[in-house]
Amino acid sequence: MGILNKTEIIEALTLEIGENIYIDIAKWHLYLSDAKLDNVLAEKLFPLLSSGSISSVQINEILQEIKVKVGGGKKELPLNDLISDSVQSKLINILEDILREMF
């Protein structure tokens, strides 16, 4: 089953990110769906999918751009600093799977 349009791709990506990608804080896992960051990340990653090119460098840049407010907004940290390397690898796998479905 191929994914046909932008909305479907972003919805599928949002779902996968929300269920599988998490912020790791003191060995606590806060999934991006709970942090309300799943759709934000999916929207930012969509251009990579539409270009057909996925690289860890591009993903790291996107994760670096997304700022997460902590401590009631006292500080902002890049999402890249809050996601472990193994979870970032899982994100790459999710993107590759969705890319395969697109074509």
PDB file of N, CA and C in Angstrom:
ATOM      1  N   MET A   1       0.850  -1.188   0.000  1.00  0.00           N
ATOM      2  CA  MET A   1       0.000   0.000   0.000  1.00  0.00           C
ATOM      3  C   MET A   1       0.886   1.237   0.000  1.00  0.00           C
ATOM      4  N   GLY A   2       0.862   2.005  -1.073  1.00  0.00           N
ATOM      5  CA  GLY A   2       1.662   3.208  -1.170  1.00  0.00           C
ATOM      6  C   GLY A   2       0.971   4.396  -0.528  1.00  0.00           C
ATOM      7  N   ILE A   3       1.757   5.262   0.041  1.00  0.00           N
ATOM      8  CA  ILE A   3       1.238   6.497   0.611  1.00  0.00           C
ATOM      9  C   ILE A   3       1.252   7.531  -0.509  1.00  0.00           C
ATOM     10  N   LEU A   4       0.129   8.230  -0.704  1.00  0.00           N
ATOM     11  CA  LEU A   4      -0.017   9.037  -1.898  1.00  0.00           C
ATOM     12  C   LEU A   4       0.195  10.535  -1.727  1.00  0.00           C
ATOM     13  N   ASN A   5      -0.254  11.128  -0.654  1.00  0.00           N
ATOM     14  CA  ASN A   5      -0.152  12.586  -0.582  1.00  0.00           C
ATOM     15  C   ASN A   5       0.551  13.055   0.686  1.00  0.00           C
ATOM     16  N   LYS A   6       0.860  14.333   0.699  1.00  0.00           N
ATOM     17  CA  LYS A   6       1.618  14.931   1.799  1.00  0.00           C
ATOM     18  C   LYS A   6       0.941  14.705   3.148  1.00  0.00           C
ATOM     19  N   THR A   7      -0.358  14.910   3.217  1.00  0.00           N
ATOM     20  CA  THR A   7      -1.085  14.750   4.477  1.00  0.00           C
ATOM     21  C   THR A   7      -0.963  13.331   5.009  1.00  0.00           C
ATOM     22  N   GLU A   8      -1.126  12.346   4.126  1.00  0.00           N
ATOM     23  CA  GLU A   8      -1.015  10.944   4.540  1.00  0.00           C
ATOM     24  C   GLU A   8       0.396  10.608   5.013  1.00  0.00           C
ATOM     25  N   ILE A   9       1.380  11.149   4.325  1.00  0.00           N
ATOM     26  CA  ILE A   9       2.773  10.896   4.698  1.00  0.00           C
ATOM     27  C   ILE A   9       3.063  11.491   6.066  1.00  0.00           C
ATOM     28  N   ILE A  10       2.653  12.737   6.280  1.00  0.00           N
ATOM     29  CA  ILE A  10       2.907  13.391   7.569  1.00  0.00           C
ATOM     30  C   ILE A  10       2.149  12.690   8.688  1.00  0.00           C
ATOM     31  N   GLU A  11       0.914  12.267   8.427  1.00  0.00           N
ATOM     32  CA  GLU A  11       0.145  11.536   9.446  1.00  0.00           C
ATOM     33  C   GLU A  11       0.820  10.218   9.810  1.00  0.00           C
ATOM     34  N   ALA A  12       1.284   9.483   8.805  1.00  0.00           N
ATOM     35  CA  ALA A  12       1.960   8.203   9.053  1.00  0.00           C
ATOM     36  C   ALA A  12       3.262   8.432   9.820  1.00  0.00           C
ATOM     37  N   LEU A  13       3.999   9.446   9.422  1.00  0.00           N
ATOM     38  CA  LEU A  13       5.265   9.770  10.086  1.00  0.00           C
ATOM     39  C   LEU A  13       5.029  10.225  11.519  1.00  0.00           C
ATOM     40  N   THR A  14       4.012  11.055  11.722  1.00  0.00           N
ATOM     41  CA  THR A  14       3.666  11.518  13.069  1.00  0.00           C
ATOM     42  C   THR A  14       3.337  10.340  13.977  1.00  0.00           C
ATOM     43  N   LEU A  15       2.557   9.417  13.469  1.00  0.00           N
ATOM     44  CA  LEU A  15       2.185   8.236  14.253  1.00  0.00           C
ATOM     45  C   LEU A  15       3.409   7.409  14.627  1.00  0.00           C
ATOM     46  N   GLU A  16       4.264   7.137  13.667  1.00  0.00           N
ATOM     47  CA  GLU A  16       5.466   6.339  13.932  1.00  0.00           C
ATOM     48  C   GLU A  16       6.408   7.039  14.903  1.00  0.00           C
ATOM     49  N   ILE A  17       6.606   8.329  14.709  1.00  0.00           N
ATOM     50  CA  ILE A  17       7.475   9.094  15.610  1.00  0.00           C
ATOM     51  C   ILE A  17       6.888   9.092  17.015  1.00  0.00           C
ATOM     52  N   GLY A  18       5.608   9.364  17.116  1.00  0.00           N
ATOM     53  CA  GLY A  18       4.957   9.457  18.426  1.00  0.00           C
ATOM     54  C   GLY A  18       5.023   8.177  19.222  1.00  0.00           C
ATOM     55  N   GLU A  19       4.966   7.028  18.535  1.00  0.00           N
ATOM     56  CA  GLU A  19       4.963   5.732  19.213  1.00  0.00           C
ATOM     57  C   GLU A  19       6.357   5.162  19.464  1.00  0.00           C
ATOM     58  N   ASN A  20       7.367   5.646  18.729  1.00  0.00           N
ATOM     59  CA  ASN A  20       8.680   5.002  18.784  1.00  0.00           C
ATOM     60  C   ASN A  20       9.846   5.884  19.186  1.00  0.00           C
ATOM     61  N   ILE A  21       9.693   7.188  19.094  1.00  0.00           N
ATOM     62  CA  ILE A  21      10.805   8.097  19.364  1.00  0.00           C
ATOM     63  C   ILE A  21      10.540   8.812  20.685  1.00  0.00           C
ATOM     64  N   TYR A  22      11.567   8.856  21.519  1.00  0.00           N
ATOM     65  CA  TYR A  22      11.396   9.448  22.843  1.00  0.00           C
ATOM     66  C   TYR A  22      12.602  10.268  23.266  1.00  0.00           C
ATOM     67  N   ILE A  23      12.335  11.175  24.172  1.00  0.00           N
ATOM     68  CA  ILE A  23      13.353  11.953  24.857  1.00  0.00           C
ATOM     69  C   ILE A  23      13.791  11.126  26.059  1.00  0.00           C
ATOM     70  N   ASP A  24      15.082  11.057  26.271  1.00  0.00           N
ATOM     71  CA  ASP A  24      15.631  10.281  27.381  1.00  0.00           C
ATOM     72  C   ASP A  24      16.167  11.249  28.435  1.00  0.00           C
ATOM     73  N   ILE A  25      15.485  11.299  29.583  1.00  0.00           N
ATOM     74  CA  ILE A  25      15.913  12.171  30.681  1.00  0.00           C
ATOM     75  C   ILE A  25      16.035  11.327  31.939  1.00  0.00           C
ATOM     76  N   ALA A  26      17.249  11.195  32.430  1.00  0.00           N
ATOM     77  CA  ALA A  26      17.514  10.423  33.642  1.00  0.00           C
ATOM     78  C   ALA A  26      16.888   9.023  33.560  1.00  0.00           C
ATOM     79  N   LYS A  27      17.054   8.404  32.383  1.00  0.00           N
ATOM     80  CA  LYS A  27      16.534   7.068  32.087  1.00  0.00           C
ATOM     81  C   LYS A  27      15.011   6.985  32.069  1.00  0.00           C
ATOM     82  N   TRP A  28      14.348   8.123  32.026  1.00  0.00           N
ATOM     83  CA  TRP A  28      12.897   8.183  31.827  1.00  0.00           C
ATOM     84  C   TRP A  28      12.680   8.444  30.342  1.00  0.00           C
ATOM     85  N   HIS A  29      11.711   7.770  29.764  1.00  0.00           N
ATOM     86  CA  HIS A  29      11.419   7.932  28.352  1.00  0.00           C
ATOM     87  C   HIS A  29      10.122   8.715  28.183  1.00  0.00           C
ATOM     88  N   LEU A  30      10.234   9.885  27.618  1.00  0.00           N
ATOM     89  CA  LEU A  30       9.073  10.705  27.295  1.00  0.00           C
ATOM     90  C   LEU A  30       8.886  10.642  25.788  1.00  0.00           C
ATOM     91  N   TYR A  31       7.860   9.902  25.372  1.00  0.00           N
ATOM     92  CA  TYR A  31       7.614   9.737  23.940  1.00  0.00           C
ATOM     93  C   TYR A  31       7.169  11.064  23.337  1.00  0.00           C
ATOM     94  N   LEU A  32       7.577  11.275  22.087  1.00  0.00           N
ATOM     95  CA  LEU A  32       7.300  12.566  21.452  1.00  0.00           C
ATOM     96  C   LEU A  32       5.817  12.839  21.284  1.00  0.00           C
ATOM     97  N   SER A  33       4.984  11.803  21.255  1.00  0.00           N
ATOM     98  CA  SER A  33       3.536  12.050  21.209  1.00  0.00           C
ATOM     99  C   SER A  33       3.078  12.685  22.519  1.00  0.00           C
ATOM    100  N   ASP A  34       3.621  12.228  23.637  1.00  0.00           N
ATOM    101  CA  ASP A  34       3.265  12.802  24.940  1.00  0.00           C
ATOM    102  C   ASP A  34       3.823  14.216  25.104  1.00  0.00           C
ATOM    103  N   ALA A  35       4.981  14.446  24.508  1.00  0.00           N
ATOM    104  CA  ALA A  35       5.610  15.775  24.586  1.00  0.00           C
ATOM    105  C   ALA A  35       5.046  16.736  23.535  1.00  0.00           C
ATOM    106  N   LYS A  36       4.125  16.253  22.715  1.00  0.00           N
ATOM    107  CA  LYS A  36       3.508  17.057  21.639  1.00  0.00           C
ATOM    108  C   LYS A  36       4.555  17.556  20.637  1.00  0.00           C
ATOM    109  N   LEU A  37       5.554  16.719  20.388  1.00  0.00           N
ATOM    110  CA  LEU A  37       6.598  17.068  19.436  1.00  0.00           C
ATOM    111  C   LEU A  37       6.595  16.166  18.204  1.00  0.00           C
ATOM    112  N   ASP A  38       5.711  15.170  18.175  1.00  0.00           N
ATOM    113  CA  ASP A  38       5.686  14.220  17.074  1.00  0.00           C
ATOM    114  C   ASP A  38       5.331  14.878  15.744  1.00  0.00           C
ATOM    115  N   ASN A  39       4.295  15.712  15.736  1.00  0.00           N
ATOM    116  CA  ASN A  39       3.886  16.361  14.489  1.00  0.00           C
ATOM    117  C   ASN A  39       4.885  17.439  14.075  1.00  0.00           C
ATOM    118  N   VAL A  40       5.436  18.143  15.046  1.00  0.00           N
ATOM    119  CA  VAL A  40       6.451  19.172  14.752  1.00  0.00           C
ATOM    120  C   VAL A  40       7.621  18.533  14.011  1.00  0.00           C
ATOM    121  N   LEU A  41       8.094  17.402  14.533  1.00  0.00           N
ATOM    122  CA  LEU A  41       9.224  16.724  13.909  1.00  0.00           C
ATOM    123  C   LEU A  41       8.833  16.157  12.546  1.00  0.00           C
ATOM    124  N   ALA A  42       7.661  15.586  12.436  1.00  0.00           N
ATOM    125  CA  ALA A  42       7.208  15.031  11.156  1.00  0.00           C
ATOM    126  C   ALA A  42       7.153  16.119  10.080  1.00  0.00           C
ATOM    127  N   GLU A  43       6.637  17.276  10.434  1.00  0.00           N
ATOM    128  CA  GLU A  43       6.556  18.391   9.475  1.00  0.00           C
ATOM    129  C   GLU A  43       7.945  18.814   9.003  1.00  0.00           C
ATOM    130  N   LYS A  44       8.892  18.839   9.930  1.00  0.00           N
ATOM    131  CA  LYS A  44      10.264  19.245   9.584  1.00  0.00           C
ATOM    132  C   LYS A  44      10.980  18.185   8.748  1.00  0.00           C
ATOM    133  N   LEU A  45      10.636  16.905   8.968  1.00  0.00           N
ATOM    134  CA  LEU A  45      11.297  15.819   8.248  1.00  0.00           C
ATOM    135  C   LEU A  45      10.685  15.560   6.874  1.00  0.00           C
ATOM    136  N   PHE A  46       9.468  16.008   6.653  1.00  0.00           N
ATOM    137  CA  PHE A  46       8.782  15.742   5.384  1.00  0.00           C
ATOM    138  C   PHE A  46       9.604  16.132   4.154  1.00  0.00           C
ATOM    139  N   PRO A  47      10.256  17.304   4.133  1.00  0.00           N
ATOM    140  CA  PRO A  47      11.036  17.651   2.931  1.00  0.00           C
ATOM    141  C   PRO A  47      12.118  16.623   2.585  1.00  0.00           C
ATOM    142  N   LEU A  48      12.686  15.972   3.598  1.00  0.00           N
ATOM    143  CA  LEU A  48      13.673  14.925   3.309  1.00  0.00           C
ATOM    144  C   LEU A  48      13.023  13.775   2.553  1.00  0.00           C
ATOM    145  N   LEU A  49      11.835  13.398   3.002  1.00  0.00           N
ATOM    146  CA  LEU A  49      11.123  12.307   2.335  1.00  0.00           C
ATOM    147  C   LEU A  49      10.736  12.693   0.920  1.00  0.00           C
ATOM    148  N   SER A  50      10.248  13.909   0.754  1.00  0.00           N
ATOM    149  CA  SER A  50       9.807  14.314  -0.583  1.00  0.00           C
ATOM    150  C   SER A  50      10.986  14.461  -1.544  1.00  0.00           C
ATOM    151  N   SER A  51      12.181  14.722  -1.012  1.00  0.00           N
ATOM    152  CA  SER A  51      13.370  14.793  -1.871  1.00  0.00           C
ATOM    153  C   SER A  51      13.930  13.407  -2.164  1.00  0.00           C
ATOM    154  N   GLY A  52      13.520  12.411  -1.354  1.00  0.00           N
ATOM    155  CA  GLY A  52      14.014  11.051  -1.543  1.00  0.00           C
ATOM    156  C   GLY A  52      15.388  10.824  -0.964  1.00  0.00           C
ATOM    157  N   SER A  53      15.881  11.803  -0.202  1.00  0.00           N
ATOM    158  CA  SER A  53      17.227  11.722   0.361  1.00  0.00           C
ATOM    159  C   SER A  53      17.171  11.812   1.881  1.00  0.00           C
ATOM    160  N   ILE A  54      17.763  10.818   2.530  1.00  0.00           N
ATOM    161  CA  ILE A  54      17.782  10.808   3.992  1.00  0.00           C
ATOM    162  C   ILE A  54      19.225  10.599   4.439  1.00  0.00           C
ATOM    163  N   SER A  55      19.731  11.527   5.233  1.00  0.00           N
ATOM    164  CA  SER A  55      21.068  11.341   5.790  1.00  0.00           C
ATOM    165  C   SER A  55      21.040  11.690   7.273  1.00  0.00           C
ATOM    166  N   SER A  56      21.918  11.056   8.011  1.00  0.00           N
ATOM    167  CA  SER A  56      21.976  11.323   9.448  1.00  0.00           C
ATOM    168  C   SER A  56      22.381  12.769   9.720  1.00  0.00           C
ATOM    169  N   VAL A  57      23.185  13.354   8.846  1.00  0.00           N
ATOM    170  CA  VAL A  57      23.590  14.749   9.007  1.00  0.00           C
ATOM    171  C   VAL A  57      22.374  15.667   8.913  1.00  0.00           C
ATOM    172  N   GLN A  58      21.519  15.425   7.916  1.00  0.00           N
ATOM    173  CA  GLN A  58      20.312  16.239   7.756  1.00  0.00           C
ATOM    174  C   GLN A  58      19.381  16.065   8.949  1.00  0.00           C
ATOM    175  N   ILE A  59      19.222  14.846   9.402  1.00  0.00           N
ATOM    176  CA  ILE A  59      18.350  14.583  10.545  1.00  0.00           C
ATOM    177  C   ILE A  59      18.882  15.273  11.790  1.00  0.00           C
ATOM    178  N   ASN A  60      20.193  15.197  12.006  1.00  0.00           N
ATOM    179  CA  ASN A  60      20.789  15.880  13.161  1.00  0.00           C
ATOM    180  C   ASN A  60      20.568  17.386  13.097  1.00  0.00           C
ATOM    181  N   GLU A  61      20.672  17.958  11.903  1.00  0.00           N
ATOM    182  CA  GLU A  61      20.430  19.400  11.746  1.00  0.00           C
ATOM    183  C   GLU A  61      18.995  19.759  12.113  1.00  0.00           C
ATOM    184  N   ILE A  62      18.049  18.941  11.677  1.00  0.00           N
ATOM    185  CA  ILE A  62      16.641  19.191  11.995  1.00  0.00           C
ATOM    186  C   ILE A  62      16.402  19.054  13.494  1.00  0.00           C
ATOM    187  N   LEU A  63      16.965  18.010  14.091  1.00  0.00           N
ATOM    188  CA  LEU A  63      16.807  17.818  15.538  1.00  0.00           C
ATOM    189  C   LEU A  63      17.455  18.965  16.311  1.00  0.00           C
ATOM    190  N   GLN A  64      18.520  19.524  15.778  1.00  0.00           N
ATOM    191  CA  GLN A  64      19.200  20.653  16.427  1.00  0.00           C
ATOM    192  C   GLN A  64      18.335  21.914  16.359  1.00  0.00           C
ATOM    193  N   GLU A  65      17.576  22.074  15.279  1.00  0.00           N
ATOM    194  CA  GLU A  65      16.723  23.259  15.089  1.00  0.00           C
ATOM    195  C   GLU A  65      15.530  23.285  16.033  1.00  0.00           C
ATOM    196  N   ILE A  66      15.016  22.121  16.392  1.00  0.00           N
ATOM    197  CA  ILE A  66      13.813  22.052  17.231  1.00  0.00           C
ATOM    198  C   ILE A  66      14.220  22.242  18.681  1.00  0.00           C
ATOM    199  N   LYS A  67      13.725  23.300  19.279  1.00  0.00           N
ATOM    200  CA  LYS A  67      14.061  23.621  20.667  1.00  0.00           C
ATOM    201  C   LYS A  67      12.952  23.144  21.594  1.00  0.00           C
ATOM    202  N   VAL A  68      13.365  22.527  22.706  1.00  0.00           N
ATOM    203  CA  VAL A  68      12.431  21.999  23.692  1.00  0.00           C
ATOM    204  C   VAL A  68      12.582  22.821  24.964  1.00  0.00           C
ATOM    205  N   LYS A  69      11.479  23.410  25.396  1.00  0.00           N
ATOM    206  CA  LYS A  69      11.503  24.209  26.624  1.00  0.00           C
ATOM    207  C   LYS A  69      11.498  23.280  27.833  1.00  0.00           C
ATOM    208  N   VAL A  70      12.396  23.532  28.763  1.00  0.00           N
ATOM    209  CA  VAL A  70      12.462  22.749  29.999  1.00  0.00           C
ATOM    210  C   VAL A  70      12.431  23.711  31.191  1.00  0.00           C
ATOM    211  N   GLY A  71      12.056  23.170  32.331  1.00  0.00           N
ATOM    212  CA  GLY A  71      12.011  24.000  33.537  1.00  0.00           C
ATOM    213  C   GLY A  71      11.011  25.125  33.436  1.00  0.00           C
ATOM    214  N   GLY A  72       9.849  24.837  32.862  1.00  0.00           N
ATOM    215  CA  GLY A  72       8.829  25.864  32.739  1.00  0.00           C
ATOM    216  C   GLY A  72       9.215  26.980  31.782  1.00  0.00           C
ATOM    217  N   GLY A  73      10.103  26.662  30.849  1.00  0.00           N
ATOM    218  CA  GLY A  73      10.521  27.656  29.863  1.00  0.00           C
ATOM    219  C   GLY A  73      11.770  28.418  30.249  1.00  0.00           C
ATOM    220  N   LYS A  74      12.365  28.060  31.387  1.00  0.00           N
ATOM    221  CA  LYS A  74      13.591  28.743  31.816  1.00  0.00           C
ATOM    222  C   LYS A  74      14.739  28.521  30.843  1.00  0.00           C
ATOM    223  N   LYS A  75      14.711  27.361  30.195  1.00  0.00           N
ATOM    224  CA  LYS A  75      15.795  27.005  29.305  1.00  0.00           C
ATOM    225  C   LYS A  75      15.232  26.265  28.100  1.00  0.00           C
ATOM    226  N   GLU A  76      15.917  26.359  26.996  1.00  0.00           N
ATOM    227  CA  GLU A  76      15.563  25.616  25.798  1.00  0.00           C
ATOM    228  C   GLU A  76      16.750  24.759  25.386  1.00  0.00           C
ATOM    229  N   LEU A  77      16.472  23.501  25.099  1.00  0.00           N
ATOM    230  CA  LEU A  77      17.507  22.578  24.651  1.00  0.00           C
ATOM    231  C   LEU A  77      17.137  22.049  23.277  1.00  0.00           C
ATOM    232  N   PRO A  78      18.137  21.843  22.416  1.00  0.00           N
ATOM    233  CA  PRO A  78      17.825  21.246  21.119  1.00  0.00           C
ATOM    234  C   PRO A  78      17.372  19.802  21.300  1.00  0.00           C
ATOM    235  N   LEU A  79      16.400  19.404  20.514  1.00  0.00           N
ATOM    236  CA  LEU A  79      15.879  18.042  20.577  1.00  0.00           C
ATOM    237  C   LEU A  79      17.004  17.028  20.358  1.00  0.00           C
ATOM    238  N   ASN A  80      17.982  17.395  19.562  1.00  0.00           N
ATOM    239  CA  ASN A  80      19.131  16.530  19.303  1.00  0.00           C
ATOM    240  C   ASN A  80      19.853  16.127  20.596  1.00  0.00           C
ATOM    241  N   ASP A  81      19.894  17.023  21.571  1.00  0.00           N
ATOM    242  CA  ASP A  81      20.571  16.746  22.841  1.00  0.00           C
ATOM    243  C   ASP A  81      19.754  15.834  23.752  1.00  0.00           C
ATOM    244  N   LEU A  82      18.496  15.648  23.462  1.00  0.00           N
ATOM    245  CA  LEU A  82      17.609  14.885  24.333  1.00  0.00           C
ATOM    246  C   LEU A  82      17.267  13.498  23.797  1.00  0.00           C
ATOM    247  N   ILE A  83      17.711  13.199  22.580  1.00  0.00           N
ATOM    248  CA  ILE A  83      17.421  11.906  21.964  1.00  0.00           C
ATOM    249  C   ILE A  83      18.733  11.142  21.812  1.00  0.00           C
ATOM    250  N   SER A  84      18.760   9.930  22.317  1.00  0.00           N
ATOM    251  CA  SER A  84      19.984   9.118  22.260  1.00  0.00           C
ATOM    252  C   SER A  84      20.307   8.716  20.823  1.00  0.00           C
ATOM    253  N   ASP A  85      21.550   8.296  20.617  1.00  0.00           N
ATOM    254  CA  ASP A  85      21.974   7.858  19.288  1.00  0.00           C
ATOM    255  C   ASP A  85      21.172   6.656  18.808  1.00  0.00           C
ATOM    256  N   SER A  86      20.857   5.742  19.716  1.00  0.00           N
ATOM    257  CA  SER A  86      20.098   4.560  19.301  1.00  0.00           C
ATOM    258  C   SER A  86      18.684   4.934  18.862  1.00  0.00           C
ATOM    259  N   VAL A  87      18.092   5.915  19.514  1.00  0.00           N
ATOM    260  CA  VAL A  87      16.752   6.371  19.127  1.00  0.00           C
ATOM    261  C   VAL A  87      16.826   7.141  17.809  1.00  0.00           C
ATOM    262  N   GLN A  88      17.905   7.881  17.603  1.00  0.00           N
ATOM    263  CA  GLN A  88      18.084   8.562  16.319  1.00  0.00           C
ATOM    264  C   GLN A  88      18.220   7.546  15.191  1.00  0.00           C
ATOM    265  N   SER A  89      18.886   6.434  15.451  1.00  0.00           N
ATOM    266  CA  SER A  89      18.988   5.366  14.447  1.00  0.00           C
ATOM    267  C   SER A  89      17.610   4.787  14.145  1.00  0.00           C
ATOM    268  N   LYS A  90      16.802   4.645  15.191  1.00  0.00           N
ATOM    269  CA  LYS A  90      15.433   4.157  14.994  1.00  0.00           C
ATOM    270  C   LYS A  90      14.646   5.143  14.129  1.00  0.00           C
ATOM    271  N   LEU A  91      14.865   6.430  14.325  1.00  0.00           N
ATOM    272  CA  LEU A  91      14.202   7.455  13.519  1.00  0.00           C
ATOM    273  C   LEU A  91      14.601   7.316  12.048  1.00  0.00           C
ATOM    274  N   ILE A  92      15.866   7.074  11.793  1.00  0.00           N
ATOM    275  CA  ILE A  92      16.328   6.884  10.417  1.00  0.00           C
ATOM    276  C   ILE A  92      15.637   5.667   9.800  1.00  0.00           C
ATOM    277  N   ASN A  93      15.512   4.593  10.559  1.00  0.00           N
ATOM    278  CA  ASN A  93      14.832   3.392  10.056  1.00  0.00           C
ATOM    279  C   ASN A  93      13.372   3.676   9.727  1.00  0.00           C
ATOM    280  N   ILE A  94      12.707   4.442  10.577  1.00  0.00           N
ATOM    281  CA  ILE A  94      11.311   4.818  10.322  1.00  0.00           C
ATOM    282  C   ILE A  94      11.208   5.605   9.019  1.00  0.00           C
ATOM    283  N   LEU A  95      12.100   6.562   8.837  1.00  0.00           N
ATOM    284  CA  LEU A  95      12.082   7.377   7.621  1.00  0.00           C
ATOM    285  C   LEU A  95      12.340   6.519   6.386  1.00  0.00           C
ATOM    286  N   GLU A  96      13.291   5.608   6.481  1.00  0.00           N
ATOM    287  CA  GLU A  96      13.580   4.727   5.343  1.00  0.00           C
ATOM    288  C   GLU A  96      12.383   3.836   5.007  1.00  0.00           C
ATOM    289  N   ASP A  97      11.692   3.333   6.033  1.00  0.00           N
ATOM    290  CA  ASP A  97      10.506   2.505   5.801  1.00  0.00           C
ATOM    291  C   ASP A  97       9.406   3.297   5.094  1.00  0.00           C
ATOM    292  N   ILE A  98       9.173   4.508   5.558  1.00  0.00           N
ATOM    293  CA  ILE A  98       8.137   5.346   4.942  1.00  0.00           C
ATOM    294  C   ILE A  98       8.535   5.726   3.516  1.00  0.00           C
ATOM    295  N   LEU A  99       9.800   6.002   3.311  1.00  0.00           N
ATOM    296  CA  LEU A  99      10.283   6.324   1.970  1.00  0.00           C
ATOM    297  C   LEU A  99      10.042   5.168   1.004  1.00  0.00           C
ATOM    298  N   ARG A 100      10.276   3.933   1.471  1.00  0.00           N
ATOM    299  CA  ARG A 100      10.021   2.756   0.631  1.00  0.00           C
ATOM    300  C   ARG A 100       8.535   2.642   0.284  1.00  0.00           C
ATOM    301  N   GLU A 101       7.673   2.967   1.247  1.00  0.00           N
ATOM    302  CA  GLU A 101       6.223   2.895   1.008  1.00  0.00           C
ATOM    303  C   GLU A 101       5.778   3.937  -0.012  1.00  0.00           C
ATOM    304  N   MET A 102       6.499   5.046  -0.055  1.00  0.00           N
ATOM    305  CA  MET A 102       6.111   6.126  -0.961  1.00  0.00           C
ATOM    306  C   MET A 102       6.333   5.735  -2.420  1.00  0.00           C
ATOM    307  N   PHE A 103       7.315   4.890  -2.669  1.00  0.00           N
ATOM    308  CA  PHE A 103       7.672   4.582  -4.064  1.00  0.00           C
ATOM    309  C   PHE A 103       7.424   3.160  -4.417  1.00  0.00           C
TER     310      PHE A 103
END
